[in-house]
Amino acid sequence: MNDERIKVNYKPLWKLLIDQDISKGELRKKTSIAPSTFTKMTNNENVSLDVLVRICCALNCGIDDIVEIER
């Protein structure tokens, strides 16, 4: 395996929020996710699997619906 870092982006999540007419603030309240975690996601930084699962439960979707893996 090479040393390339695998990056994530949350573009699918932001698009899904627009499609479902839900603001980031509303999602944050529904999921009790800290504002700093949303900042990390806005900057395409890694967050815990627990956070992703809470978002998926709130939006009734799968992880592949909210995150993309870039190589």
N, C-alpha and C. Protein backbone atom coordinates (compact mmCIF):
# COMPACT_ATOMS: atom_id res chain seq x y z
N MET A 1 0.85 -1.18 0.00
CA MET A 1 0.00 0.00 0.00
C MET A 1 0.89 1.24 0.00
N ASN A 2 0.52 2.25 -0.81
CA ASN A 2 1.35 3.45 -0.88
C ASN A 2 0.96 4.44 0.21
N ASP A 3 1.71 5.53 0.27
CA ASP A 3 1.52 6.51 1.35
C ASP A 3 0.47 7.58 1.04
N GLU A 4 -0.28 7.41 -0.05
CA GLU A 4 -1.30 8.41 -0.36
C GLU A 4 -2.34 8.44 0.75
N ARG A 5 -2.71 9.63 1.13
CA ARG A 5 -3.75 9.77 2.15
C ARG A 5 -5.12 9.73 1.47
N ILE A 6 -6.00 8.99 2.04
CA ILE A 6 -7.36 8.94 1.52
C ILE A 6 -8.12 10.10 2.15
N LYS A 7 -8.76 10.88 1.30
CA LYS A 7 -9.50 12.05 1.78
C LYS A 7 -11.00 11.80 1.62
N VAL A 8 -11.75 12.47 2.45
CA VAL A 8 -13.20 12.40 2.36
C VAL A 8 -13.74 13.78 2.01
N ASN A 9 -14.90 13.80 1.39
CA ASN A 9 -15.61 15.06 1.26
C ASN A 9 -17.09 14.81 1.53
N TYR A 10 -17.73 15.85 1.98
CA TYR A 10 -19.13 15.74 2.42
C TYR A 10 -20.08 16.44 1.46
N LYS A 11 -19.67 16.62 0.21
CA LYS A 11 -20.55 17.25 -0.78
C LYS A 11 -21.90 16.55 -0.88
N PRO A 12 -21.93 15.20 -0.85
CA PRO A 12 -23.24 14.54 -0.91
C PRO A 12 -24.16 14.93 0.25
N LEU A 13 -23.58 15.14 1.43
CA LEU A 13 -24.39 15.55 2.58
C LEU A 13 -24.99 16.93 2.35
N TRP A 14 -24.16 17.87 1.92
CA TRP A 14 -24.66 19.24 1.72
C TRP A 14 -25.74 19.27 0.64
N LYS A 15 -25.57 18.45 -0.41
CA LYS A 15 -26.59 18.38 -1.46
C LYS A 15 -27.87 17.76 -0.91
N LEU A 16 -27.74 16.71 -0.10
CA LEU A 16 -28.90 16.05 0.50
C LEU A 16 -29.68 17.01 1.39
N LEU A 17 -28.96 17.83 2.16
CA LEU A 17 -29.63 18.81 3.01
C LEU A 17 -30.43 19.80 2.16
N ILE A 18 -29.86 20.24 1.05
CA ILE A 18 -30.58 21.15 0.15
C ILE A 18 -31.81 20.45 -0.42
N ASP A 19 -31.62 19.21 -0.88
CA ASP A 19 -32.73 18.46 -1.47
C ASP A 19 -33.87 18.24 -0.47
N GLN A 20 -33.52 18.05 0.81
CA GLN A 20 -34.54 17.81 1.84
C GLN A 20 -34.96 19.10 2.54
N ASP A 21 -34.43 20.23 2.09
CA ASP A 21 -34.75 21.54 2.65
C ASP A 21 -34.51 21.59 4.17
N ILE A 22 -33.33 21.10 4.57
CA ILE A 22 -32.93 21.09 5.97
C ILE A 22 -31.65 21.92 6.11
N SER A 23 -31.62 22.81 7.07
CA SER A 23 -30.42 23.62 7.28
C SER A 23 -29.39 22.84 8.10
N LYS A 24 -28.14 23.28 8.03
CA LYS A 24 -27.10 22.66 8.86
C LYS A 24 -27.47 22.79 10.34
N GLY A 25 -28.02 23.93 10.71
CA GLY A 25 -28.41 24.15 12.10
C GLY A 25 -29.48 23.18 12.56
N GLU A 26 -30.47 22.95 11.70
CA GLU A 26 -31.53 21.99 12.03
C GLU A 26 -30.95 20.59 12.21
N LEU A 27 -30.06 20.20 11.29
CA LEU A 27 -29.45 18.88 11.39
C LEU A 27 -28.62 18.77 12.66
N ARG A 28 -27.88 19.82 12.98
CA ARG A 28 -27.05 19.82 14.17
C ARG A 28 -27.91 19.63 15.42
N LYS A 29 -29.05 20.30 15.47
CA LYS A 29 -29.95 20.15 16.62
C LYS A 29 -30.54 18.74 16.69
N LYS A 30 -30.94 18.19 15.55
CA LYS A 30 -31.52 16.85 15.51
C LYS A 30 -30.54 15.79 15.98
N THR A 31 -29.25 16.00 15.69
CA THR A 31 -28.25 14.97 15.93
C THR A 31 -27.37 15.25 17.15
N SER A 32 -27.52 16.42 17.76
CA SER A 32 -26.69 16.82 18.90
C SER A 32 -25.19 16.77 18.57
N ILE A 33 -24.86 17.17 17.36
CA ILE A 33 -23.46 17.21 16.93
C ILE A 33 -22.90 18.60 17.22
N ALA A 34 -21.71 18.65 17.76
CA ALA A 34 -21.08 19.91 18.15
C ALA A 34 -20.80 20.78 16.92
N PRO A 35 -20.90 22.10 17.11
CA PRO A 35 -20.58 23.01 16.00
C PRO A 35 -19.16 22.79 15.46
N SER A 36 -18.23 22.45 16.32
CA SER A 36 -16.85 22.23 15.87
C SER A 36 -16.77 21.02 14.92
N THR A 37 -17.63 20.04 15.13
CA THR A 37 -17.65 18.88 14.25
C THR A 37 -18.18 19.28 12.87
N PHE A 38 -19.19 20.13 12.85
CA PHE A 38 -19.69 20.61 11.56
C PHE A 38 -18.63 21.45 10.85
N THR A 39 -17.83 22.17 11.60
CA THR A 39 -16.73 22.93 11.00
C THR A 39 -15.74 21.96 10.35
N LYS A 40 -15.43 20.87 11.04
CA LYS A 40 -14.54 19.86 10.46
C LYS A 40 -15.12 19.32 9.16
N MET A 41 -16.41 19.05 9.17
CA MET A 41 -17.04 18.50 7.96
C MET A 41 -17.04 19.52 6.83
N THR A 42 -17.26 20.78 7.16
CA THR A 42 -17.22 21.84 6.15
C THR A 42 -15.84 21.91 5.51
N ASN A 43 -14.81 21.60 6.29
CA ASN A 43 -13.43 21.62 5.80
C ASN A 43 -12.97 20.25 5.29
N ASN A 44 -13.91 19.33 5.12
CA ASN A 44 -13.63 17.98 4.63
C ASN A 44 -12.58 17.24 5.46
N GLU A 45 -12.69 17.41 6.77
CA GLU A 45 -11.81 16.68 7.69
C GLU A 45 -12.55 15.45 8.21
N ASN A 46 -11.80 14.49 8.71
CA ASN A 46 -12.40 13.26 9.22
C ASN A 46 -13.19 13.53 10.51
N VAL A 47 -14.31 12.85 10.62
CA VAL A 47 -15.10 12.86 11.86
C VAL A 47 -15.37 11.41 12.23
N SER A 48 -15.86 11.19 13.43
CA SER A 48 -16.07 9.82 13.91
C SER A 48 -17.22 9.14 13.18
N LEU A 49 -17.15 7.84 13.15
CA LEU A 49 -18.21 7.04 12.55
C LEU A 49 -19.52 7.28 13.29
N ASP A 50 -19.46 7.49 14.59
CA ASP A 50 -20.67 7.77 15.38
C ASP A 50 -21.41 8.99 14.84
N VAL A 51 -20.68 10.01 14.49
CA VAL A 51 -21.28 11.23 13.93
C VAL A 51 -21.99 10.90 12.61
N LEU A 52 -21.31 10.17 11.76
CA LEU A 52 -21.90 9.82 10.47
C LEU A 52 -23.15 8.97 10.64
N VAL A 53 -23.13 8.05 11.60
CA VAL A 53 -24.29 7.19 11.84
C VAL A 53 -25.46 8.04 12.35
N ARG A 54 -25.20 8.98 13.25
CA ARG A 54 -26.28 9.85 13.76
C ARG A 54 -26.91 10.66 12.62
N ILE A 55 -26.07 11.15 11.71
CA ILE A 55 -26.59 11.91 10.57
C ILE A 55 -27.43 10.99 9.68
N CYS A 56 -26.94 9.79 9.42
CA CYS A 56 -27.69 8.85 8.58
C CYS A 56 -29.04 8.51 9.20
N CYS A 57 -29.08 8.31 10.50
CA CYS A 57 -30.35 8.01 11.17
C CYS A 57 -31.31 9.19 11.06
N ALA A 58 -30.81 10.40 11.23
CA ALA A 58 -31.66 11.59 11.17
C ALA A 58 -32.20 11.83 9.76
N LEU A 59 -31.40 11.50 8.75
CA LEU A 59 -31.81 11.75 7.37
C LEU A 59 -32.36 10.50 6.67
N ASN A 60 -32.37 9.39 7.40
CA ASN A 60 -32.87 8.13 6.84
C ASN A 60 -32.14 7.77 5.54
N CYS A 61 -30.80 7.71 5.65
CA CYS A 61 -29.99 7.42 4.48
C CYS A 61 -28.79 6.56 4.88
N GLY A 62 -27.96 6.20 3.92
CA GLY A 62 -26.75 5.43 4.18
C GLY A 62 -25.52 6.33 4.19
N ILE A 63 -24.42 5.80 4.69
CA ILE A 63 -23.18 6.59 4.76
C ILE A 63 -22.73 7.02 3.37
N ASP A 64 -22.91 6.15 2.38
CA ASP A 64 -22.51 6.52 1.03
C ASP A 64 -23.36 7.64 0.44
N ASP A 65 -24.47 7.98 1.09
CA ASP A 65 -25.31 9.10 0.66
C ASP A 65 -24.80 10.44 1.20
N ILE A 66 -23.86 10.40 2.16
CA ILE A 66 -23.42 11.66 2.78
C ILE A 66 -21.92 11.91 2.69
N VAL A 67 -21.16 10.91 2.26
CA VAL A 67 -19.70 11.11 2.20
C VAL A 67 -19.14 10.45 0.94
N GLU A 68 -18.13 11.11 0.35
CA GLU A 68 -17.41 10.55 -0.78
C GLU A 68 -15.96 10.33 -0.36
N ILE A 69 -15.36 9.29 -0.89
CA ILE A 69 -13.95 9.03 -0.62
C ILE A 69 -13.16 9.44 -1.87
N GLU A 70 -12.14 10.26 -1.65
CA GLU A 70 -11.29 10.71 -2.75
C GLU A 70 -9.94 10.03 -2.61
N ARG A 71 -9.40 9.57 -3.71
CA ARG A 71 -8.09 8.92 -3.68
C ARG A 71 -7.10 9.71 -4.48
